[in-house]
Amino acid sequence: MSKPTPEPTSEPTSRTPLPDGLRFAFGTLTVLPVKVTRWDRDAARGGMLCAPVAGLVVGAGAALVGVALLAMGAGPLLAAVATAAVPAALTRGLHLDGLADTADGLGSGKPAEDALRIMKQSDIGPFGVITLLFVLLAQVAALFQAYDTSWARGVLAAVVSATAARLALTLAARTGVPPARPEGLGAAVAGTVPVRGALLVTVAVAGAAVGAGALVGTYDVVRAGVAVLAACAVAELLLRHCTRRFGGVTGDVFGGLAETAATTALVVLSLG
C-alpha cells in the first residue's frame, strides 16, 4: 500500500491527536515529506480515518497539473494522462504495484499461503500486467472525457476519484477485517478503525462530493455522490473476495482497493 514501516505496538496507548493522524496518513499514503512520529495503533486509526484528506490533496495536485496543461494549450488527452500520472508519482506507484500483485495473487488460483508468496515477489506476472493496462486505460479514458467536456469536470473527476480511493482504505481498515500476515503495513492498520467511524467518514466524503458536484452542474451533484458510493461498493466486493482468498488484507490489497475505487469513481463520473 505504501512505504514499509516499523511495527506498531499491539495495543493503543492513548487517544490520537488529529495532527498525529494526519501525519500518519500523509507519511504512509503519499511521498510528501511528512515525518511520522508515532507508529502505534492509535496513530494508525487516526491515519486511516484521515486517509481521504490525503486523497483530497493528491487529487487537487493531479487536477492542478491537468488544468495547467490545458491553460498552456495542451489537449484533453494529454491533460488526462498527466492527471492519471500524478497520483502514481505521489505514491511512487505503490498503489498500482499493489493492484498488480493482488491481481497476480488472485489469478494464480493457488492456496492462500502460495498466493501470498506470489504477491511478495518483486516481479509482475501476466495477470498484473493485464490488470494495470486496462485500469490505466480506463482512468485515462474517463479523465479525457471529463476534460473534453470542461476543465471543471476534469477537476471534479480528479479530486473525487482520488478521495474515494483513500476512503476505500478507511473502510478496509475497519474493525473485523483481519490481516493476512502478522507483519507489514497491512497488519499495522487492519482492524484499527471503528465501524461507526468508517461510516461517518463515508457520509462526510459523499456529502463533500455532492457539494463539489453542485459547483459544476446540476447532474454532477448526482454523479459525484453516486461515484463515491459506487467506488466504496466495488472496493468492498474486492475486499471481501481478497479476505476469503488470502485470509485477510495486506498492503498490496490496500493498494488494489485504492486503484479499484478510483477507477470505479472515474467511470461513474463519465456516464450520462
Protein backbone atom coordinates (compact mmCIF):
# COMPACT_ATOMS: atom_id res chain seq x y z
CA MET A 1 0.00 0.00 0.00
CA SER A 2 2.82 2.39 0.81
CA LYS A 3 6.20 2.80 2.40
CA PRO A 4 7.47 0.00 4.64
CA THR A 5 7.09 0.94 8.28
CA PRO A 6 8.24 -0.21 11.69
CA GLU A 7 5.84 -2.47 13.54
CA PRO A 8 3.45 -0.57 15.82
CA THR A 9 2.73 -1.57 19.37
CA SER A 10 -0.01 -4.17 19.60
CA GLU A 11 -2.30 -2.12 21.88
CA PRO A 12 -3.29 1.54 21.75
CA THR A 13 -1.65 3.67 24.38
CA SER A 14 -3.54 6.97 24.16
CA ARG A 15 -6.07 8.85 22.11
CA THR A 16 -4.51 10.12 18.87
CA PRO A 17 -4.49 13.90 18.40
CA LEU A 18 -5.56 14.97 14.92
CA PRO A 19 -2.05 16.07 13.84
CA ASP A 20 -0.71 12.57 14.54
CA GLY A 21 -3.45 11.05 12.40
CA LEU A 22 -2.73 13.44 9.56
CA ARG A 23 0.98 12.76 9.82
CA PHE A 24 0.36 9.03 9.65
CA ALA A 25 -1.97 9.43 6.66
CA PHE A 26 0.36 11.63 4.63
CA GLY A 27 3.50 9.84 5.75
CA THR A 28 2.28 6.38 4.73
CA LEU A 29 -0.08 7.12 1.84
CA THR A 30 1.99 9.71 -0.03
CA VAL A 31 5.61 10.59 -0.71
CA LEU A 32 5.16 14.08 0.67
CA PRO A 33 7.90 14.94 3.20
CA VAL A 34 5.83 14.36 6.34
CA LYS A 35 7.57 12.76 9.30
CA VAL A 36 5.55 10.09 11.10
CA THR A 37 6.44 10.23 14.78
CA ARG A 38 4.02 7.60 16.12
CA TRP A 39 3.52 4.03 14.90
CA ASP A 40 1.10 2.67 17.50
CA ARG A 41 -2.42 1.54 16.64
CA ASP A 42 -3.96 4.79 17.85
CA ALA A 43 -1.88 6.63 15.26
CA ALA A 44 -2.84 4.05 12.64
CA ARG A 45 -6.51 4.55 13.49
CA GLY A 46 -6.22 8.29 13.14
CA GLY A 47 -4.26 7.92 9.93
CA MET A 48 -6.85 5.69 8.30
CA LEU A 49 -9.67 8.00 9.38
CA CYS A 50 -7.73 10.88 7.78
CA ALA A 51 -6.88 8.92 4.63
CA PRO A 52 -9.48 10.76 2.47
CA VAL A 53 -7.78 14.05 3.39
CA ALA A 54 -4.57 12.73 1.88
CA GLY A 55 -6.60 11.71 -1.16
CA LEU A 56 -8.05 15.20 -1.44
CA VAL A 57 -4.56 16.70 -1.56
CA VAL A 58 -3.37 14.12 -4.12
CA GLY A 59 -6.45 14.75 -6.27
CA ALA A 60 -6.04 18.51 -6.06
CA GLY A 61 -2.43 18.18 -7.18
CA ALA A 62 -3.45 15.99 -10.10
CA ALA A 63 -6.19 18.42 -11.12
CA LEU A 64 -3.78 21.36 -10.90
CA VAL A 65 -1.37 19.69 -13.33
CA GLY A 66 -4.20 18.83 -15.74
CA VAL A 67 -5.66 22.34 -15.72
CA ALA A 68 -2.21 23.90 -16.09
CA LEU A 69 -1.61 21.85 -19.22
CA LEU A 70 -4.98 22.90 -20.64
CA ALA A 71 -4.15 26.54 -19.91
CA MET A 72 -0.88 26.15 -21.82
CA GLY A 73 -2.74 24.87 -24.88
CA ALA A 74 -2.46 21.10 -24.39
CA GLY A 75 -5.36 18.92 -25.41
CA PRO A 76 -7.65 16.99 -23.05
CA LEU A 77 -5.88 13.69 -23.75
CA LEU A 78 -2.52 14.96 -22.52
CA ALA A 79 -4.22 16.56 -19.52
CA ALA A 80 -5.89 13.23 -18.76
CA VAL A 81 -2.62 11.30 -18.96
CA ALA A 82 -0.87 13.78 -16.68
CA THR A 83 -3.75 13.75 -14.21
CA ALA A 84 -3.61 9.95 -14.02
CA ALA A 85 0.18 10.05 -13.62
CA VAL A 86 0.29 12.45 -10.68
CA PRO A 87 -1.33 10.11 -8.10
CA ALA A 88 1.06 7.37 -9.23
CA ALA A 89 4.01 9.72 -8.75
CA LEU A 90 2.79 10.88 -5.34
CA THR A 91 2.65 7.27 -4.13
CA ARG A 92 5.76 6.07 -6.02
CA GLY A 93 3.40 3.78 -7.93
CA LEU A 94 2.89 1.61 -4.85
CA HIS A 95 -0.89 1.50 -5.16
CA LEU A 96 -0.56 0.39 -8.76
CA ASP A 97 2.06 -2.14 -7.70
CA GLY A 98 -0.34 -3.39 -5.04
CA LEU A 99 -3.07 -3.74 -7.63
CA ALA A 100 -0.79 -5.77 -9.90
CA ASP A 101 0.38 -8.01 -7.04
CA THR A 102 -3.20 -8.56 -5.89
CA ALA A 103 -4.24 -9.50 -9.43
CA ASP A 104 -1.35 -11.97 -9.64
CA GLY A 105 -2.29 -13.49 -6.29
CA LEU A 106 -5.96 -13.83 -7.17
CA GLY A 107 -5.24 -15.01 -10.70
CA SER A 108 -2.85 -17.73 -9.57
CA GLY A 109 -5.70 -19.86 -8.23
CA LYS A 110 -3.31 -21.19 -5.56
CA PRO A 111 -4.00 -21.64 -1.82
CA ALA A 112 -3.67 -18.57 0.38
CA GLU A 113 -0.10 -19.22 1.53
CA ASP A 114 1.18 -19.73 -2.01
CA ALA A 115 -0.81 -16.77 -3.34
CA LEU A 116 0.64 -14.51 -0.65
CA ARG A 117 4.13 -15.68 -1.56
CA ILE A 118 3.47 -14.81 -5.22
CA MET A 119 2.30 -11.35 -4.17
CA LYS A 120 5.54 -10.72 -2.27
CA GLN A 121 7.72 -11.43 -5.30
CA SER A 122 9.29 -8.38 -6.92
CA ASP A 123 8.26 -9.23 -10.47
CA ILE A 124 4.82 -8.69 -12.02
CA GLY A 125 3.06 -11.60 -13.66
CA PRO A 126 0.67 -11.66 -16.63
CA PHE A 127 -2.45 -11.06 -14.53
CA GLY A 128 -0.84 -8.00 -13.01
CA VAL A 129 0.25 -6.59 -16.36
CA ILE A 130 -3.17 -7.06 -17.93
CA THR A 131 -4.93 -5.54 -14.93
CA LEU A 132 -2.65 -2.49 -14.90
CA LEU A 133 -3.13 -1.98 -18.62
CA PHE A 134 -6.92 -1.94 -18.51
CA VAL A 135 -7.15 0.05 -15.28
CA LEU A 136 -4.86 2.81 -16.55
CA LEU A 137 -6.62 2.88 -19.92
CA ALA A 138 -9.97 3.22 -18.15
CA GLN A 139 -8.69 6.03 -15.94
CA VAL A 140 -7.20 8.00 -18.83
CA ALA A 141 -10.30 7.47 -20.99
CA ALA A 142 -12.63 8.69 -18.24
CA LEU A 143 -10.46 11.70 -17.46
CA PHE A 144 -10.20 12.55 -21.16
CA GLN A 145 -13.99 12.57 -21.43
CA ALA A 146 -14.23 14.81 -18.37
CA TYR A 147 -11.65 17.33 -19.61
CA ASP A 148 -13.12 17.23 -23.10
CA THR A 149 -16.43 18.42 -21.62
CA SER A 150 -14.96 21.15 -19.41
CA TRP A 151 -11.96 21.79 -17.21
CA ALA A 152 -14.26 21.93 -14.18
CA ARG A 153 -15.49 18.38 -14.76
CA GLY A 154 -11.90 17.26 -15.14
CA VAL A 155 -11.05 18.80 -11.79
CA LEU A 156 -14.11 17.19 -10.20
CA ALA A 157 -13.17 13.78 -11.58
CA ALA A 158 -9.57 14.03 -10.39
CA VAL A 159 -10.45 15.15 -6.87
CA VAL A 160 -13.42 12.86 -6.28
CA SER A 161 -11.65 9.75 -7.59
CA ALA A 162 -8.51 10.31 -5.50
CA THR A 163 -10.54 10.99 -2.36
CA ALA A 164 -12.77 7.96 -2.94
CA ALA A 165 -9.67 5.82 -3.43
CA ARG A 166 -8.41 6.67 0.07
CA LEU A 167 -11.90 6.35 1.54
CA ALA A 168 -11.78 2.71 0.42
CA LEU A 169 -8.72 2.31 2.67
CA THR A 170 -10.60 3.74 5.64
CA LEU A 171 -13.37 1.20 5.13
CA ALA A 172 -10.92 -1.66 4.61
CA ALA A 173 -9.16 -0.83 7.90
CA ARG A 174 -12.37 -1.20 9.90
CA THR A 175 -12.80 -3.49 12.86
CA GLY A 176 -13.47 -7.08 11.87
CA VAL A 177 -11.23 -7.15 8.78
CA PRO A 178 -8.20 -9.29 9.71
CA PRO A 179 -4.64 -9.04 8.37
CA ALA A 180 -3.42 -11.85 6.12
CA ARG A 181 0.10 -11.60 7.55
CA PRO A 182 1.34 -10.75 11.05
CA GLU A 183 3.74 -8.13 9.68
CA GLY A 184 3.70 -5.20 7.27
CA LEU A 185 1.63 -2.05 6.96
CA GLY A 186 -1.49 -4.08 6.21
CA ALA A 187 -1.21 -5.70 9.63
CA ALA A 188 -0.41 -2.33 11.21
CA VAL A 189 -3.70 -0.74 10.14
CA ALA A 190 -6.04 -3.73 9.83
CA GLY A 191 -8.94 -3.58 12.26
CA THR A 192 -7.99 -0.19 13.71
CA VAL A 193 -10.98 1.87 12.54
CA PRO A 194 -14.31 1.53 14.37
CA VAL A 195 -17.17 0.68 12.02
CA ARG A 196 -19.10 3.76 13.12
CA GLY A 197 -16.12 5.99 12.42
CA ALA A 198 -15.67 4.49 8.95
CA LEU A 199 -19.35 5.09 8.17
CA LEU A 200 -19.20 8.68 9.38
CA VAL A 201 -16.18 9.37 7.19
CA THR A 202 -18.01 7.80 4.23
CA VAL A 203 -21.01 10.07 4.77
CA ALA A 204 -18.72 13.10 5.05
CA VAL A 205 -16.84 12.26 1.84
CA ALA A 206 -20.04 11.54 -0.09
CA GLY A 207 -21.54 14.82 1.16
CA ALA A 208 -18.44 16.76 0.17
CA ALA A 209 -18.52 15.15 -3.29
CA VAL A 210 -22.14 16.17 -3.73
CA GLY A 211 -21.26 19.73 -2.71
CA ALA A 212 -18.37 19.81 -5.16
CA GLY A 213 -20.63 18.47 -7.90
CA ALA A 214 -23.12 21.26 -7.23
CA LEU A 215 -20.42 23.77 -8.15
CA VAL A 216 -20.06 22.19 -11.58
CA GLY A 217 -23.59 21.38 -12.72
CA THR A 218 -26.98 20.00 -11.76
CA TYR A 219 -26.36 16.45 -12.94
CA ASP A 220 -22.87 16.46 -11.46
CA VAL A 221 -24.43 16.55 -7.99
CA VAL A 222 -25.89 13.10 -8.53
CA ARG A 223 -22.91 11.75 -10.43
CA ALA A 224 -20.42 12.79 -7.76
CA GLY A 225 -22.39 11.26 -4.92
CA VAL A 226 -23.05 8.04 -6.81
CA ALA A 227 -19.38 7.86 -7.83
CA VAL A 228 -18.25 7.79 -4.20
CA LEU A 229 -20.84 5.20 -3.18
CA ALA A 230 -20.13 3.02 -6.22
CA ALA A 231 -16.40 3.20 -5.55
CA CYS A 232 -16.97 2.03 -1.98
CA ALA A 233 -19.29 -0.78 -3.11
CA VAL A 234 -16.92 -2.17 -5.75
CA ALA A 235 -13.93 -1.88 -3.40
CA GLU A 236 -15.96 -3.73 -0.74
CA LEU A 237 -16.63 -6.59 -3.15
CA LEU A 238 -12.91 -6.87 -3.88
CA LEU A 239 -12.10 -6.63 -0.17
CA ARG A 240 -14.42 -9.50 0.69
CA HIS A 241 -13.05 -11.62 -2.11
CA CYS A 242 -9.46 -10.98 -1.01
CA THR A 243 -10.33 -11.70 2.60
CA ARG A 244 -11.82 -15.05 1.62
CA ARG A 245 -8.89 -15.95 -0.66
CA PHE A 246 -5.99 -14.71 1.44
CA GLY A 247 -7.45 -14.88 4.94
CA GLY A 248 -7.25 -11.13 5.39
CA VAL A 249 -5.74 -7.95 3.96
CA THR A 250 -2.20 -6.98 3.06
CA GLY A 251 -0.55 -3.77 1.95
CA ASP A 252 -0.93 -4.98 -1.64
CA VAL A 253 -4.65 -5.50 -1.15
CA PHE A 254 -4.98 -1.96 0.20
CA GLY A 255 -3.24 -0.65 -2.91
CA GLY A 256 -5.52 -2.71 -5.14
CA LEU A 257 -8.59 -1.38 -3.31
CA ALA A 258 -7.45 2.22 -3.80
CA GLU A 259 -6.95 1.84 -7.55
CA THR A 260 -10.20 -0.09 -7.94
CA ALA A 261 -12.15 2.60 -6.11
CA ALA A 262 -10.51 5.40 -8.11
CA THR A 263 -11.27 3.71 -11.42
CA THR A 264 -14.86 2.99 -10.45
CA ALA A 265 -15.42 6.60 -9.45
CA LEU A 266 -13.97 7.85 -12.73
CA VAL A 267 -16.13 5.50 -14.78
CA VAL A 268 -19.29 6.60 -12.97
CA LEU A 269 -18.41 10.26 -13.43
CA SER A 270 -18.00 9.66 -17.17
CA LEU A 271 -21.52 8.25 -17.56
CA GLY A 272 -24.54 10.26 -18.60
